[in-house]
PDB file of N, CA and C in Angstrom:
ATOM      1  N   MET A   1      26.842 -47.411  17.029  1.00  0.00           N
ATOM      2  CA  MET A   1      27.103 -46.913  15.690  1.00  0.00           C
ATOM      3  C   MET A   1      25.818 -46.437  15.038  1.00  0.00           C
ATOM      4  N   ALA A   2      24.745 -47.193  15.209  1.00  0.00           N
ATOM      5  CA  ALA A   2      23.481 -46.831  14.588  1.00  0.00           C
ATOM      6  C   ALA A   2      22.919 -45.565  15.219  1.00  0.00           C
ATOM      7  N   GLN A   3      23.159 -45.396  16.523  1.00  0.00           N
ATOM      8  CA  GLN A   3      22.637 -44.211  17.180  1.00  0.00           C
ATOM      9  C   GLN A   3      23.341 -42.959  16.681  1.00  0.00           C
ATOM     10  N   GLY A   4      24.580 -43.024  16.325  1.00  0.00           N
ATOM     11  CA  GLY A   4      25.330 -41.885  15.775  1.00  0.00           C
ATOM     12  C   GLY A   4      24.725 -41.424  14.462  1.00  0.00           C
ATOM     13  N   LYS A   5      24.277 -42.403  13.638  1.00  0.00           N
ATOM     14  CA  LYS A   5      23.631 -42.043  12.372  1.00  0.00           C
ATOM     15  C   LYS A   5      22.329 -41.289  12.629  1.00  0.00           C
ATOM     16  N   TYR A   6      21.541 -41.773  13.593  1.00  0.00           N
ATOM     17  CA  TYR A   6      20.266 -41.131  13.897  1.00  0.00           C
ATOM     18  C   TYR A   6      20.471 -39.720  14.438  1.00  0.00           C
ATOM     19  N   GLU A   7      21.512 -39.557  15.282  1.00  0.00           N
ATOM     20  CA  GLU A   7      21.792 -38.230  15.810  1.00  0.00           C
ATOM     21  C   GLU A   7      22.204 -37.276  14.697  1.00  0.00           C
ATOM     22  N   MET A   8      23.025 -37.765  13.779  1.00  0.00           N
ATOM     23  CA  MET A   8      23.460 -36.933  12.661  1.00  0.00           C
ATOM     24  C   MET A   8      22.268 -36.588  11.768  1.00  0.00           C
ATOM     25  N   ALA A   9      21.388 -37.552  11.524  1.00  0.00           N
ATOM     26  CA  ALA A   9      20.205 -37.302  10.704  1.00  0.00           C
ATOM     27  C   ALA A   9      19.297 -36.284  11.400  1.00  0.00           C
ATOM     28  N   PHE A  10      19.168 -36.397  12.704  1.00  0.00           N
ATOM     29  CA  PHE A  10      18.337 -35.446  13.449  1.00  0.00           C
ATOM     30  C   PHE A  10      18.919 -34.043  13.363  1.00  0.00           C
ATOM     31  N   ILE A  11      20.233 -33.926  13.506  1.00  0.00           N
ATOM     32  CA  ILE A  11      20.892 -32.618  13.428  1.00  0.00           C
ATOM     33  C   ILE A  11      20.708 -32.027  12.029  1.00  0.00           C
ATOM     34  N   LEU A  12      20.863 -32.867  10.989  1.00  0.00           N
ATOM     35  CA  LEU A  12      20.685 -32.373   9.619  1.00  0.00           C
ATOM     36  C   LEU A  12      19.243 -31.944   9.376  1.00  0.00           C
ATOM     37  N   LYS A  13      18.280 -32.693   9.905  1.00  0.00           N
ATOM     38  CA  LYS A  13      16.875 -32.307   9.764  1.00  0.00           C
ATOM     39  C   LYS A  13      16.600 -30.994  10.490  1.00  0.00           C
ATOM     40  N   ALA A  14      17.187 -30.828  11.659  1.00  0.00           N
ATOM     41  CA  ALA A  14      16.994 -29.593  12.414  1.00  0.00           C
ATOM     42  C   ALA A  14      17.580 -28.404  11.653  1.00  0.00           C
ATOM     43  N   ILE A  15      18.776 -28.572  11.101  1.00  0.00           N
ATOM     44  CA  ILE A  15      19.417 -27.494  10.334  1.00  0.00           C
ATOM     45  C   ILE A  15      18.589 -27.178   9.087  1.00  0.00           C
ATOM     46  N   ALA A  16      18.092 -28.205   8.410  1.00  0.00           N
ATOM     47  CA  ALA A  16      17.266 -27.987   7.217  1.00  0.00           C
ATOM     48  C   ALA A  16      15.977 -27.260   7.582  1.00  0.00           C
ATOM     49  N   GLY A  17      15.367 -27.634   8.700  1.00  0.00           N
ATOM     50  CA  GLY A  17      14.141 -26.967   9.135  1.00  0.00           C
ATOM     51  C   GLY A  17      14.378 -25.508   9.477  1.00  0.00           C
ATOM     52  N   ILE A  18      15.458 -25.232  10.189  1.00  0.00           N
ATOM     53  CA  ILE A  18      15.788 -23.843  10.547  1.00  0.00           C
ATOM     54  C   ILE A  18      16.080 -23.026   9.292  1.00  0.00           C
ATOM     55  N   THR A  19      16.813 -23.620   8.344  1.00  0.00           N
ATOM     56  CA  THR A  19      17.119 -22.919   7.094  1.00  0.00           C
ATOM     57  C   THR A  19      15.844 -22.638   6.315  1.00  0.00           C
ATOM     58  N   ALA A  20      14.949 -23.612   6.260  1.00  0.00           N
ATOM     59  CA  ALA A  20      13.686 -23.413   5.546  1.00  0.00           C
ATOM     60  C   ALA A  20      12.868 -22.298   6.201  1.00  0.00           C
ATOM     61  N   LEU A  21      12.830 -22.274   7.524  1.00  0.00           N
ATOM     62  CA  LEU A  21      12.099 -21.212   8.225  1.00  0.00           C
ATOM     63  C   LEU A  21      12.720 -19.843   7.958  1.00  0.00           C
ATOM     64  N   MET A  22      14.042 -19.771   7.943  1.00  0.00           N
ATOM     65  CA  MET A  22      14.708 -18.495   7.678  1.00  0.00           C
ATOM     66  C   MET A  22      14.397 -18.014   6.264  1.00  0.00           C
ATOM     67  N   LEU A  23      14.454 -18.910   5.296  1.00  0.00           N
ATOM     68  CA  LEU A  23      14.147 -18.528   3.924  1.00  0.00           C
ATOM     69  C   LEU A  23      12.694 -18.098   3.777  1.00  0.00           C
ATOM     70  N   LEU A  24      11.798 -18.783   4.480  1.00  0.00           N
ATOM     71  CA  LEU A  24      10.380 -18.413   4.447  1.00  0.00           C
ATOM     72  C   LEU A  24      10.166 -17.016   5.035  1.00  0.00           C
ATOM     73  N   VAL A  25      10.823 -16.724   6.143  1.00  0.00           N
ATOM     74  CA  VAL A  25      10.710 -15.401   6.770  1.00  0.00           C
ATOM     75  C   VAL A  25      11.257 -14.326   5.842  1.00  0.00           C
ATOM     76  N   ILE A  26      12.381 -14.586   5.191  1.00  0.00           N
ATOM     77  CA  ILE A  26      12.970 -13.615   4.256  1.00  0.00           C
ATOM     78  C   ILE A  26      12.010 -13.356   3.098  1.00  0.00           C
ATOM     79  N   THR A  27      11.412 -14.397   2.568  1.00  0.00           N
ATOM     80  CA  THR A  27      10.469 -14.247   1.461  1.00  0.00           C
ATOM     81  C   THR A  27       9.244 -13.455   1.892  1.00  0.00           C
ATOM     82  N   LEU A  28       8.714 -13.772   3.067  1.00  0.00           N
ATOM     83  CA  LEU A  28       7.541 -13.050   3.560  1.00  0.00           C
ATOM     84  C   LEU A  28       7.860 -11.587   3.828  1.00  0.00           C
ATOM     85  N   LEU A  29       9.037 -11.304   4.363  1.00  0.00           N
ATOM     86  CA  LEU A  29       9.423  -9.912   4.600  1.00  0.00           C
ATOM     87  C   LEU A  29       9.532  -9.154   3.280  1.00  0.00           C
ATOM     88  N   GLY A  30      10.073  -9.789   2.261  1.00  0.00           N
ATOM     89  CA  GLY A  30      10.140  -9.156   0.948  1.00  0.00           C
ATOM     90  C   GLY A  30       8.762  -8.850   0.407  1.00  0.00           C
ATOM     91  N   SER A  31       7.839  -9.780   0.590  1.00  0.00           N
ATOM     92  CA  SER A  31       6.461  -9.564   0.140  1.00  0.00           C
ATOM     93  C   SER A  31       5.796  -8.433   0.908  1.00  0.00           C
ATOM     94  N   ILE A  32       6.037  -8.372   2.206  1.00  0.00           N
ATOM     95  CA  ILE A  32       5.446  -7.309   3.027  1.00  0.00           C
ATOM     96  C   ILE A  32       6.004  -5.953   2.621  1.00  0.00           C
ATOM     97  N   ILE A  33       7.305  -5.892   2.337  1.00  0.00           N
ATOM     98  CA  ILE A  33       7.914  -4.633   1.907  1.00  0.00           C
ATOM     99  C   ILE A  33       7.331  -4.201   0.569  1.00  0.00           C
ATOM    100  N   THR A  34       7.146  -5.149  -0.348  1.00  0.00           N
ATOM    101  CA  THR A  34       6.549  -4.823  -1.647  1.00  0.00           C
ATOM    102  C   THR A  34       5.114  -4.334  -1.462  1.00  0.00           C
ATOM    103  N   LEU A  35       4.354  -5.006  -0.622  1.00  0.00           N
ATOM    104  CA  LEU A  35       2.975  -4.592  -0.358  1.00  0.00           C
ATOM    105  C   LEU A  35       2.944  -3.207   0.273  1.00  0.00           C
ATOM    106  N   GLY A  36       3.844  -2.944   1.201  1.00  0.00           N
ATOM    107  CA  GLY A  36       3.926  -1.626   1.826  1.00  0.00           C
ATOM    108  C   GLY A  36       4.226  -0.543   0.816  1.00  0.00           C
ATOM    109  N   GLY A  37       5.148  -0.813  -0.104  1.00  0.00           N
ATOM    110  CA  GLY A  37       5.453   0.165  -1.154  1.00  0.00           C
ATOM    111  C   GLY A  37       4.252   0.424  -2.034  1.00  0.00           C
ATOM    112  N   PHE A  38       3.520  -0.630  -2.370  1.00  0.00           N
ATOM    113  CA  PHE A  38       2.321  -0.467  -3.191  1.00  0.00           C
ATOM    114  C   PHE A  38       1.270   0.350  -2.455  1.00  0.00           C
ATOM    115  N   LEU A  39       1.082   0.062  -1.175  1.00  0.00           N
ATOM    116  CA  LEU A  39       0.088   0.800  -0.392  1.00  0.00           C
ATOM    117  C   LEU A  39       0.465   2.271  -0.258  1.00  0.00           C
ATOM    118  N   LEU A  40       1.754   2.558  -0.068  1.00  0.00           N
ATOM    119  CA  LEU A  40       2.179   3.953   0.015  1.00  0.00           C
ATOM    120  C   LEU A  40       1.919   4.678  -1.299  1.00  0.00           C
ATOM    121  N   ALA A  41       2.203   4.020  -2.414  1.00  0.00           N
ATOM    122  CA  ALA A  41       1.936   4.634  -3.714  1.00  0.00           C
ATOM    123  C   ALA A  41       0.440   4.855  -3.907  1.00  0.00           C
ATOM    124  N   ALA A  42      -0.372   3.890  -3.493  1.00  0.00           N
ATOM    125  CA  ALA A  42      -1.820   4.028  -3.623  1.00  0.00           C
ATOM    126  C   ALA A  42      -2.336   5.181  -2.764  1.00  0.00           C
ATOM    127  N   ILE A  43      -1.797   5.342  -1.571  1.00  0.00           N
ATOM    128  CA  ILE A  43      -2.217   6.444  -0.695  1.00  0.00           C
ATOM    129  C   ILE A  43      -1.831   7.785  -1.313  1.00  0.00           C
ATOM    130  N   LYS A  44      -0.634   7.871  -1.898  1.00  0.00           N
ATOM    131  CA  LYS A  44      -0.213   9.114  -2.543  1.00  0.00           C
ATOM    132  C   LYS A  44      -1.138   9.460  -3.708  1.00  0.00           C
ATOM    133  N   VAL A  45      -1.480   8.473  -4.520  1.00  0.00           N
ATOM    134  CA  VAL A  45      -2.391   8.712  -5.643  1.00  0.00           C
ATOM    135  C   VAL A  45      -3.757   9.145  -5.125  1.00  0.00           C
ATOM    136  N   LEU A  46      -4.228   8.521  -4.067  1.00  0.00           N
ATOM    137  CA  LEU A  46      -5.524   8.877  -3.483  1.00  0.00           C
ATOM    138  C   LEU A  46      -5.524  10.319  -2.971  1.00  0.00           C
ATOM    139  N   ILE A  47      -4.440  10.742  -2.351  1.00  0.00           N
ATOM    140  CA  ILE A  47      -4.336  12.118  -1.865  1.00  0.00           C
ATOM    141  C   ILE A  47      -4.397  13.096  -3.028  1.00  0.00           C
ATOM    142  N   VAL A  48      -3.696  12.800  -4.117  1.00  0.00           N
ATOM    143  CA  VAL A  48      -3.712  13.678  -5.287  1.00  0.00           C
ATOM    144  C   VAL A  48      -5.118  13.732  -5.875  1.00  0.00           C
ATOM    145  N   VAL A  49      -5.790  12.600  -5.983  1.00  0.00           N
ATOM    146  CA  VAL A  49      -7.145  12.568  -6.554  1.00  0.00           C
ATOM    147  C   VAL A  49      -8.108  13.375  -5.680  1.00  0.00           C
ATOM    148  N   ILE A  50      -8.019  13.235  -4.373  1.00  0.00           N
ATOM    149  CA  ILE A  50      -8.889  13.998  -3.467  1.00  0.00           C
ATOM    150  C   ILE A  50      -8.602  15.491  -3.596  1.00  0.00           C
ATOM    151  N   PHE A  51      -7.329  15.857  -3.677  1.00  0.00           N
ATOM    152  CA  PHE A  51      -6.967  17.262  -3.837  1.00  0.00           C
ATOM    153  C   PHE A  51      -7.553  17.826  -5.127  1.00  0.00           C
ATOM    154  N   LEU A  52      -7.428  17.083  -6.221  1.00  0.00           N
ATOM    155  CA  LEU A  52      -7.984  17.549  -7.492  1.00  0.00           C
ATOM    156  C   LEU A  52      -9.508  17.659  -7.430  1.00  0.00           C
ATOM    157  N   ALA A  53     -10.165  16.718  -6.768  1.00  0.00           N
ATOM    158  CA  ALA A  53     -11.620  16.775  -6.646  1.00  0.00           C
ATOM    159  C   ALA A  53     -12.048  18.017  -5.865  1.00  0.00           C
ATOM    160  N   VAL A  54     -11.356  18.325  -4.775  1.00  0.00           N
ATOM    161  CA  VAL A  54     -11.690  19.518  -3.991  1.00  0.00           C
ATOM    162  C   VAL A  54     -11.439  20.772  -4.817  1.00  0.00           C
ATOM    163  N   LEU A  55     -10.340  20.802  -5.551  1.00  0.00           N
ATOM    164  CA  LEU A  55     -10.024  21.951  -6.403  1.00  0.00           C
ATOM    165  C   LEU A  55     -11.094  22.160  -7.462  1.00  0.00           C
ATOM    166  N   ILE A  56     -11.532  21.084  -8.092  1.00  0.00           N
ATOM    167  CA  ILE A  56     -12.579  21.179  -9.114  1.00  0.00           C
ATOM    168  C   ILE A  56     -13.894  21.642  -8.498  1.00  0.00           C
ATOM    169  N   MET A  57     -14.216  21.149  -7.307  1.00  0.00           N
ATOM    170  CA  MET A  57     -15.448  21.592  -6.637  1.00  0.00           C
ATOM    171  C   MET A  57     -15.388  23.086  -6.330  1.00  0.00           C
ATOM    172  N   ILE A  58     -14.245  23.591  -5.922  1.00  0.00           N
ATOM    173  CA  ILE A  58     -14.095  25.018  -5.632  1.00  0.00           C
ATOM    174  C   ILE A  58     -14.279  25.840  -6.902  1.00  0.00           C
ATOM    175  N   VAL A  59     -13.668  25.401  -8.010  1.00  0.00           N
ATOM    176  CA  VAL A  59     -13.808  26.123  -9.278  1.00  0.00           C
ATOM    177  C   VAL A  59     -15.267  26.125  -9.727  1.00  0.00           C
ATOM    178  N   PHE A  60     -15.951  24.998  -9.662  1.00  0.00           N
ATOM    179  CA  PHE A  60     -17.367  24.946 -10.037  1.00  0.00           C
ATOM    180  C   PHE A  60     -18.203  25.859  -9.143  1.00  0.00           C
ATOM    181  N   SER A  61     -17.889  25.882  -7.852  1.00  0.00           N
ATOM    182  CA  SER A  61     -18.630  26.742  -6.938  1.00  0.00           C
ATOM    183  C   SER A  61     -18.436  28.213  -7.300  1.00  0.00           C
ATOM    184  N   ILE A  62     -17.220  28.613  -7.620  1.00  0.00           N
ATOM    185  CA  ILE A  62     -16.948  29.999  -8.009  1.00  0.00           C
ATOM    186  C   ILE A  62     -17.693  30.339  -9.295  1.00  0.00           C
ATOM    187  N   LEU A  63     -17.627  29.453 -10.288  1.00  0.00           N
ATOM    188  CA  LEU A  63     -18.299  29.726 -11.558  1.00  0.00           C
ATOM    189  C   LEU A  63     -19.820  29.788 -11.386  1.00  0.00           C
ATOM    190  N   ARG A  64     -20.370  28.912 -10.565  1.00  0.00           N
ATOM    191  CA  ARG A  64     -21.815  28.913 -10.333  1.00  0.00           C
ATOM    192  C   ARG A  64     -22.246  30.200  -9.619  1.00  0.00           C
ATOM    193  N   ASP A  65     -21.440  30.663  -8.661  1.00  0.00           N
ATOM    194  CA  ASP A  65     -21.754  31.896  -7.952  1.00  0.00           C
ATOM    195  C   ASP A  65     -21.706  33.093  -8.899  1.00  0.00           C
ATOM    196  N   ARG A  66     -20.721  33.129  -9.778  1.00  0.00           N
ATOM    197  CA  ARG A  66     -20.644  34.218 -10.762  1.00  0.00           C
ATOM    198  C   ARG A  66     -21.862  34.213 -11.672  1.00  0.00           C
ATOM    199  N   SER A  67     -22.228  33.014 -12.115  1.00  0.00           N
ATOM    200  CA  SER A  67     -23.389  32.912 -13.001  1.00  0.00           C
ATOM    201  C   SER A  67     -24.652  33.373 -12.279  1.00  0.00           C
ATOM    202  N   ARG A  68     -24.807  32.987 -11.033  1.00  0.00           N
ATOM    203  CA  ARG A  68     -25.980  33.376 -10.254  1.00  0.00           C
ATOM    204  C   ARG A  68     -26.008  34.894 -10.058  1.00  0.00           C
ATOM    205  N   ARG A  69     -24.867  35.517  -9.787  1.00  0.00           N
ATOM    206  CA  ARG A  69     -24.807  36.968  -9.602  1.00  0.00           C
ATOM    207  C   ARG A  69     -25.158  37.693 -10.906  1.00  0.00           C
ATOM    208  N   ARG A  70     -24.710  37.161 -12.028  1.00  0.00           N
ATOM    209  CA  ARG A  70     -25.045  37.787 -13.325  1.00  0.00           C
ATOM    210  C   ARG A  70     -26.547  37.756 -13.562  1.00  0.00           C
ATOM    211  N   HIS A  71     -27.155  36.603 -13.266  1.00  0.00           N
ATOM    212  CA  HIS A  71     -28.602  36.484 -13.467  1.00  0.00           C
ATOM    213  C   HIS A  71     -29.353  37.434 -12.535  1.00  0.00           C
ATOM    214  N   GLU A  72     -28.912  37.556 -11.281  1.00  0.00           N
ATOM    215  CA  GLU A  72     -29.568  38.456 -10.349  1.00  0.00           C
ATOM    216  C   GLU A  72     -29.406  39.912 -10.798  1.00  0.00           C
ATOM    217  N   ALA A  73     -28.211  40.268 -11.272  1.00  0.00           N
ATOM    218  CA  ALA A  73     -27.979  41.646 -11.736  1.00  0.00           C
ATOM    219  C   ALA A  73     -28.801  41.903 -13.016  1.00  0.00           C
ATOM    220  N   HIS A  74     -28.934  40.920 -13.852  1.00  0.00           N
ATOM    221  CA  HIS A  74     -29.693  41.081 -15.093  1.00  0.00           C
ATOM    222  C   HIS A  74     -31.187  41.199 -14.805  1.00  0.00           C
ATOM    223  N   ASP A  75     -31.664  40.459 -13.798  1.00  0.00           N
ATOM    224  CA  ASP A  75     -33.090  40.512 -13.441  1.00  0.00           C
ATOM    225  C   ASP A  75     -33.476  41.842 -12.813  1.00  0.00           C
ATOM    226  N   LEU A  76     -32.562  42.475 -12.147  1.00  0.00           N
ATOM    227  CA  LEU A  76     -32.868  43.769 -11.506  1.00  0.00           C
ATOM    228  C   LEU A  76     -32.939  44.803 -12.560  1.00  0.00           C
TER     229      LEU A  76
END
């Protein structure tokens, strides 16, 4: 009779452990998905910032070249 109680307690502990592991995995997967979404958003923002920086550098280069040509034409 006593051994039946121990077997039942062992089975309940095993089920509780498996359930706890499943819940832990679900929670971690949710966290990983959230982190992945954040990283994707950060990468998109970084791409936009790099694009704007390159665009601004091109505009400054064009304006500087125009200014330099004006000075050269004025000096001649």
